[in-house]
Amino acid sequence: LFSFLFTITLLIIVGSILFRAVAGVRQWTFNNQQPVLTVPAQIVSKRTEVHRHTNNTNGQITSSSTTSYFVTFQVQSGDRLELKVHGRDYGLLAEGDAGDLTFQGTRFQGFTRSR
């Protein structure tokens, strides 16, 4: 019984890791096949997503967190795109800013404010 449960648990863990890896490679490939576009856009919202991690090793408990940053842009057609951005870009962008958005698939490349 133990070996059966161990095998099932191991298969679930390995399957999850493989699924995430394949999904990541597919997204990366998709983005690389898309043209780099620069379009007029306005920033309509910003958000963060914080993931907390706790690790217990030999009674030593450590905590850490990672933050993901997202910005939603509205293009001239009215369509909205939410793109993941680096923290340094997130800090420089403000809701209401208008300018030229450069992106490739779902990959944020840059934003230049209009003067």
N, C-alpha and C. Protein backbone atom coordinates (compact mmCIF):
# COMPACT_ATOMS: atom_id res chain seq x y z
N LEU A 1 0.83 -1.20 0.00
CA LEU A 1 0.00 0.00 0.00
C LEU A 1 0.87 1.26 0.00
N PHE A 2 1.92 1.26 0.83
CA PHE A 2 2.79 2.44 0.89
C PHE A 2 3.46 2.70 -0.46
N SER A 3 3.99 1.65 -1.08
CA SER A 3 4.68 1.85 -2.35
C SER A 3 3.73 2.33 -3.44
N PHE A 4 2.48 1.88 -3.39
CA PHE A 4 1.48 2.34 -4.36
C PHE A 4 1.20 3.83 -4.17
N LEU A 5 0.95 4.25 -2.93
CA LEU A 5 0.69 5.66 -2.65
C LEU A 5 1.90 6.53 -2.98
N PHE A 6 3.09 6.03 -2.66
CA PHE A 6 4.32 6.76 -2.97
C PHE A 6 4.45 6.95 -4.48
N THR A 7 4.19 5.89 -5.24
CA THR A 7 4.28 5.96 -6.70
C THR A 7 3.27 6.94 -7.27
N ILE A 8 2.04 6.89 -6.78
CA ILE A 8 0.99 7.81 -7.25
C ILE A 8 1.38 9.25 -6.94
N THR A 9 1.84 9.50 -5.71
CA THR A 9 2.25 10.85 -5.32
C THR A 9 3.40 11.34 -6.19
N LEU A 10 4.37 10.49 -6.42
CA LEU A 10 5.52 10.85 -7.26
C LEU A 10 5.07 11.16 -8.68
N LEU A 11 4.17 10.35 -9.23
CA LEU A 11 3.67 10.60 -10.59
C LEU A 11 2.92 11.92 -10.67
N ILE A 12 2.14 12.25 -9.65
CA ILE A 12 1.41 13.52 -9.65
C ILE A 12 2.38 14.69 -9.61
N ILE A 13 3.40 14.60 -8.78
CA ILE A 13 4.39 15.68 -8.67
C ILE A 13 5.15 15.85 -9.98
N VAL A 14 5.65 14.75 -10.52
CA VAL A 14 6.41 14.81 -11.79
C VAL A 14 5.50 15.30 -12.91
N GLY A 15 4.26 14.82 -12.95
CA GLY A 15 3.31 15.26 -13.97
C GLY A 15 3.04 16.76 -13.89
N SER A 16 2.89 17.27 -12.67
CA SER A 16 2.66 18.71 -12.49
C SER A 16 3.84 19.53 -12.98
N ILE A 17 5.04 19.08 -12.64
CA ILE A 17 6.25 19.79 -13.07
C ILE A 17 6.36 19.77 -14.59
N LEU A 18 6.13 18.62 -15.20
CA LEU A 18 6.19 18.52 -16.66
C LEU A 18 5.13 19.39 -17.33
N PHE A 19 3.93 19.40 -16.77
CA PHE A 19 2.85 20.22 -17.33
C PHE A 19 3.23 21.69 -17.32
N ARG A 20 3.76 22.18 -16.19
CA ARG A 20 4.17 23.58 -16.08
C ARG A 20 5.31 23.90 -17.05
N ALA A 21 6.25 22.98 -17.19
CA ALA A 21 7.39 23.20 -18.09
C ALA A 21 6.91 23.27 -19.53
N VAL A 22 6.05 22.35 -19.93
CA VAL A 22 5.53 22.35 -21.31
C VAL A 22 4.72 23.61 -21.58
N ALA A 23 3.89 24.02 -20.62
CA ALA A 23 3.09 25.24 -20.79
C ALA A 23 4.00 26.46 -20.94
N GLY A 24 5.07 26.52 -20.15
CA GLY A 24 6.01 27.64 -20.24
C GLY A 24 6.73 27.69 -21.57
N VAL A 25 7.15 26.53 -22.06
CA VAL A 25 7.84 26.46 -23.36
C VAL A 25 6.87 26.84 -24.48
N ARG A 26 5.63 26.40 -24.39
CA ARG A 26 4.63 26.75 -25.42
C ARG A 26 4.40 28.26 -25.46
N GLN A 27 4.28 28.90 -24.28
CA GLN A 27 4.06 30.34 -24.22
C GLN A 27 5.28 31.08 -24.77
N TRP A 28 6.47 30.64 -24.41
CA TRP A 28 7.70 31.25 -24.89
C TRP A 28 7.79 31.14 -26.41
N THR A 29 7.47 29.96 -26.95
CA THR A 29 7.50 29.75 -28.40
C THR A 29 6.46 30.62 -29.09
N PHE A 30 5.26 30.68 -28.53
CA PHE A 30 4.20 31.53 -29.09
C PHE A 30 4.66 32.98 -29.16
N ASN A 31 5.21 33.50 -28.06
CA ASN A 31 5.67 34.89 -28.03
C ASN A 31 6.76 35.14 -29.06
N ASN A 32 7.69 34.21 -29.20
CA ASN A 32 8.78 34.38 -30.16
C ASN A 32 8.29 34.40 -31.60
N GLN A 33 7.17 33.76 -31.89
CA GLN A 33 6.62 33.71 -33.24
C GLN A 33 5.79 34.95 -33.58
N GLN A 34 5.46 35.76 -32.58
CA GLN A 34 4.64 36.94 -32.81
C GLN A 34 5.51 38.12 -33.23
N PRO A 35 4.93 39.03 -34.02
CA PRO A 35 5.69 40.23 -34.38
C PRO A 35 5.79 41.17 -33.18
N VAL A 36 6.83 41.97 -33.16
CA VAL A 36 6.95 43.02 -32.15
C VAL A 36 6.10 44.19 -32.64
N LEU A 37 5.11 44.57 -31.83
CA LEU A 37 4.18 45.63 -32.21
C LEU A 37 4.35 46.83 -31.31
N THR A 38 4.21 48.01 -31.89
CA THR A 38 4.17 49.25 -31.12
C THR A 38 2.87 49.94 -31.48
N VAL A 39 2.02 50.15 -30.46
CA VAL A 39 0.70 50.73 -30.68
C VAL A 39 0.43 51.81 -29.65
N PRO A 40 -0.38 52.83 -30.02
CA PRO A 40 -0.79 53.82 -29.02
C PRO A 40 -1.66 53.14 -27.96
N ALA A 41 -1.42 53.46 -26.70
CA ALA A 41 -2.18 52.83 -25.62
C ALA A 41 -2.22 53.74 -24.40
N GLN A 42 -3.15 53.43 -23.51
CA GLN A 42 -3.27 54.15 -22.25
C GLN A 42 -3.27 53.12 -21.12
N ILE A 43 -2.62 53.47 -20.02
CA ILE A 43 -2.60 52.58 -18.86
C ILE A 43 -3.90 52.78 -18.09
N VAL A 44 -4.66 51.69 -17.93
CA VAL A 44 -5.96 51.81 -17.25
C VAL A 44 -5.94 51.20 -15.85
N SER A 45 -5.01 50.30 -15.56
CA SER A 45 -4.91 49.78 -14.20
C SER A 45 -3.58 49.07 -13.99
N LYS A 46 -3.24 48.93 -12.71
CA LYS A 46 -2.03 48.22 -12.30
C LYS A 46 -2.42 47.32 -11.13
N ARG A 47 -1.73 46.18 -11.02
CA ARG A 47 -1.97 45.31 -9.87
C ARG A 47 -0.72 44.49 -9.57
N THR A 48 -0.67 43.99 -8.36
CA THR A 48 0.42 43.11 -7.95
C THR A 48 -0.17 41.79 -7.46
N GLU A 49 0.66 40.78 -7.49
CA GLU A 49 0.28 39.46 -6.99
C GLU A 49 1.44 38.97 -6.13
N VAL A 50 1.18 38.80 -4.83
CA VAL A 50 2.23 38.40 -3.90
C VAL A 50 2.04 36.93 -3.53
N HIS A 51 3.11 36.16 -3.66
CA HIS A 51 3.11 34.75 -3.26
C HIS A 51 4.06 34.60 -2.08
N ARG A 52 3.54 34.05 -0.99
CA ARG A 52 4.36 33.84 0.19
C ARG A 52 4.82 32.38 0.23
N HIS A 53 6.07 32.19 0.65
CA HIS A 53 6.66 30.86 0.72
C HIS A 53 7.21 30.64 2.13
N THR A 54 6.93 29.48 2.70
CA THR A 54 7.48 29.12 4.00
C THR A 54 8.18 27.78 3.86
N ASN A 55 9.37 27.68 4.43
CA ASN A 55 10.16 26.46 4.35
C ASN A 55 10.60 26.06 5.75
N ASN A 56 10.43 24.79 6.08
CA ASN A 56 10.86 24.26 7.37
C ASN A 56 11.92 23.20 7.12
N THR A 57 13.17 23.54 7.41
CA THR A 57 14.28 22.61 7.23
C THR A 57 14.93 22.37 8.59
N ASN A 58 14.83 21.15 9.07
CA ASN A 58 15.42 20.77 10.37
C ASN A 58 15.00 21.73 11.48
N GLY A 59 13.73 22.10 11.49
CA GLY A 59 13.23 23.00 12.53
C GLY A 59 13.52 24.46 12.29
N GLN A 60 14.26 24.78 11.26
CA GLN A 60 14.59 26.17 10.91
C GLN A 60 13.53 26.66 9.93
N ILE A 61 12.67 27.56 10.38
CA ILE A 61 11.58 28.05 9.53
C ILE A 61 12.01 29.36 8.88
N THR A 62 11.92 29.39 7.56
CA THR A 62 12.23 30.61 6.82
C THR A 62 11.03 30.99 5.96
N SER A 63 10.85 32.27 5.78
CA SER A 63 9.76 32.78 4.96
C SER A 63 10.32 33.71 3.90
N SER A 64 9.67 33.70 2.76
CA SER A 64 10.04 34.64 1.71
C SER A 64 8.79 34.91 0.88
N SER A 65 8.89 35.88 0.02
CA SER A 65 7.76 36.18 -0.86
C SER A 65 8.29 36.65 -2.20
N THR A 66 7.47 36.46 -3.21
CA THR A 66 7.78 36.98 -4.54
C THR A 66 6.58 37.80 -5.00
N THR A 67 6.86 38.87 -5.71
CA THR A 67 5.80 39.74 -6.20
C THR A 67 5.84 39.77 -7.72
N SER A 68 4.68 39.59 -8.33
CA SER A 68 4.54 39.74 -9.77
C SER A 68 3.78 41.03 -10.03
N TYR A 69 4.16 41.73 -11.08
CA TYR A 69 3.58 43.03 -11.39
C TYR A 69 2.86 42.97 -12.73
N PHE A 70 1.66 43.53 -12.79
CA PHE A 70 0.84 43.50 -14.00
C PHE A 70 0.31 44.90 -14.29
N VAL A 71 0.27 45.25 -15.58
CA VAL A 71 -0.29 46.53 -16.02
C VAL A 71 -1.29 46.24 -17.13
N THR A 72 -2.46 46.88 -17.05
CA THR A 72 -3.47 46.74 -18.09
C THR A 72 -3.44 47.97 -18.98
N PHE A 73 -3.29 47.73 -20.27
CA PHE A 73 -3.24 48.78 -21.28
C PHE A 73 -4.51 48.72 -22.12
N GLN A 74 -5.02 49.89 -22.50
CA GLN A 74 -6.14 49.94 -23.43
C GLN A 74 -5.65 50.56 -24.72
N VAL A 75 -5.84 49.84 -25.83
CA VAL A 75 -5.40 50.33 -27.14
C VAL A 75 -6.55 51.07 -27.81
N GLN A 76 -6.27 51.70 -28.96
CA GLN A 76 -7.25 52.56 -29.63
C GLN A 76 -8.55 51.85 -29.98
N SER A 77 -8.50 50.54 -30.26
CA SER A 77 -9.71 49.80 -30.62
C SER A 77 -10.61 49.56 -29.41
N GLY A 78 -10.11 49.86 -28.20
CA GLY A 78 -10.87 49.62 -26.98
C GLY A 78 -10.50 48.31 -26.31
N ASP A 79 -9.72 47.48 -27.00
CA ASP A 79 -9.28 46.21 -26.41
C ASP A 79 -8.30 46.49 -25.28
N ARG A 80 -8.30 45.60 -24.30
CA ARG A 80 -7.39 45.73 -23.16
C ARG A 80 -6.44 44.54 -23.13
N LEU A 81 -5.19 44.82 -22.78
CA LEU A 81 -4.17 43.78 -22.63
C LEU A 81 -3.56 43.91 -21.25
N GLU A 82 -3.54 42.83 -20.50
CA GLU A 82 -2.84 42.82 -19.23
C GLU A 82 -1.52 42.11 -19.44
N LEU A 83 -0.43 42.82 -19.18
CA LEU A 83 0.91 42.28 -19.41
C LEU A 83 1.69 42.26 -18.10
N LYS A 84 2.47 41.22 -17.92
CA LYS A 84 3.36 41.14 -16.77
C LYS A 84 4.57 42.01 -17.06
N VAL A 85 4.96 42.84 -16.08
CA VAL A 85 6.09 43.76 -16.26
C VAL A 85 7.08 43.57 -15.10
N HIS A 86 8.29 44.04 -15.30
CA HIS A 86 9.29 44.03 -14.24
C HIS A 86 8.94 45.10 -13.21
N GLY A 87 9.38 44.89 -11.99
CA GLY A 87 9.10 45.83 -10.91
C GLY A 87 9.59 47.24 -11.21
N ARG A 88 10.74 47.36 -11.86
CA ARG A 88 11.28 48.69 -12.16
C ARG A 88 10.38 49.43 -13.16
N ASP A 89 9.79 48.69 -14.12
CA ASP A 89 8.86 49.31 -15.06
C ASP A 89 7.56 49.67 -14.36
N TYR A 90 7.08 48.77 -13.50
CA TYR A 90 5.84 48.98 -12.77
C TYR A 90 5.90 50.29 -11.98
N GLY A 91 7.03 50.54 -11.34
CA GLY A 91 7.19 51.74 -10.53
C GLY A 91 7.20 53.02 -11.34
N LEU A 92 7.57 52.94 -12.61
CA LEU A 92 7.64 54.14 -13.45
C LEU A 92 6.33 54.43 -14.19
N LEU A 93 5.42 53.46 -14.20
CA LEU A 93 4.17 53.62 -14.94
C LEU A 93 3.05 54.04 -14.00
N ALA A 94 2.18 54.92 -14.48
CA ALA A 94 1.06 55.40 -13.66
C ALA A 94 -0.24 55.25 -14.44
N GLU A 95 -1.31 54.94 -13.70
CA GLU A 95 -2.62 54.86 -14.35
C GLU A 95 -2.93 56.20 -15.00
N GLY A 96 -3.45 56.14 -16.21
CA GLY A 96 -3.78 57.35 -16.96
C GLY A 96 -2.69 57.76 -17.93
N ASP A 97 -1.48 57.23 -17.78
CA ASP A 97 -0.41 57.54 -18.73
C ASP A 97 -0.81 57.09 -20.13
N ALA A 98 -0.50 57.91 -21.12
CA ALA A 98 -0.75 57.57 -22.52
C ALA A 98 0.58 57.59 -23.25
N GLY A 99 0.70 56.72 -24.24
CA GLY A 99 1.94 56.67 -25.00
C GLY A 99 1.95 55.50 -25.94
N ASP A 100 3.14 55.04 -26.27
CA ASP A 100 3.30 53.92 -27.21
C ASP A 100 3.73 52.67 -26.45
N LEU A 101 2.92 51.63 -26.58
CA LEU A 101 3.19 50.33 -25.96
C LEU A 101 3.87 49.44 -26.98
N THR A 102 4.98 48.83 -26.58
CA THR A 102 5.67 47.86 -27.43
C THR A 102 5.58 46.50 -26.75
N PHE A 103 5.08 45.51 -27.50
CA PHE A 103 4.92 44.17 -26.94
C PHE A 103 5.09 43.12 -28.02
N GLN A 104 5.32 41.89 -27.60
CA GLN A 104 5.47 40.76 -28.51
C GLN A 104 4.67 39.60 -27.92
N GLY A 105 3.51 39.32 -28.50
CA GLY A 105 2.63 38.30 -27.94
C GLY A 105 2.13 38.76 -26.59
N THR A 106 2.48 38.02 -25.53
CA THR A 106 2.10 38.42 -24.18
C THR A 106 3.29 38.99 -23.42
N ARG A 107 4.36 39.30 -24.12
CA ARG A 107 5.61 39.78 -23.52
C ARG A 107 5.70 41.30 -23.64
N PHE A 108 5.75 41.98 -22.49
CA PHE A 108 5.92 43.44 -22.45
C PHE A 108 7.34 43.79 -22.87
N GLN A 109 7.46 44.73 -23.82
CA GLN A 109 8.78 45.17 -24.28
C GLN A 109 9.11 46.58 -23.78
N GLY A 110 8.09 47.43 -23.66
CA GLY A 110 8.35 48.79 -23.20
C GLY A 110 7.15 49.69 -23.39
N PHE A 111 7.22 50.85 -22.76
CA PHE A 111 6.18 51.86 -22.88
C PHE A 111 6.84 53.22 -22.87
N THR A 112 6.56 54.02 -23.90
CA THR A 112 7.11 55.36 -24.01
C THR A 112 5.96 56.36 -23.88
N ARG A 113 6.02 57.19 -22.85
CA ARG A 113 4.98 58.19 -22.63
C ARG A 113 4.96 59.23 -23.74
N SER A 114 3.75 59.68 -24.08
CA SER A 114 3.61 60.80 -25.02
C SER A 114 3.95 62.08 -24.28
N ARG A 115 4.53 63.01 -24.98
CA ARG A 115 4.89 64.30 -24.36
C ARG A 115 3.78 65.29 -24.52
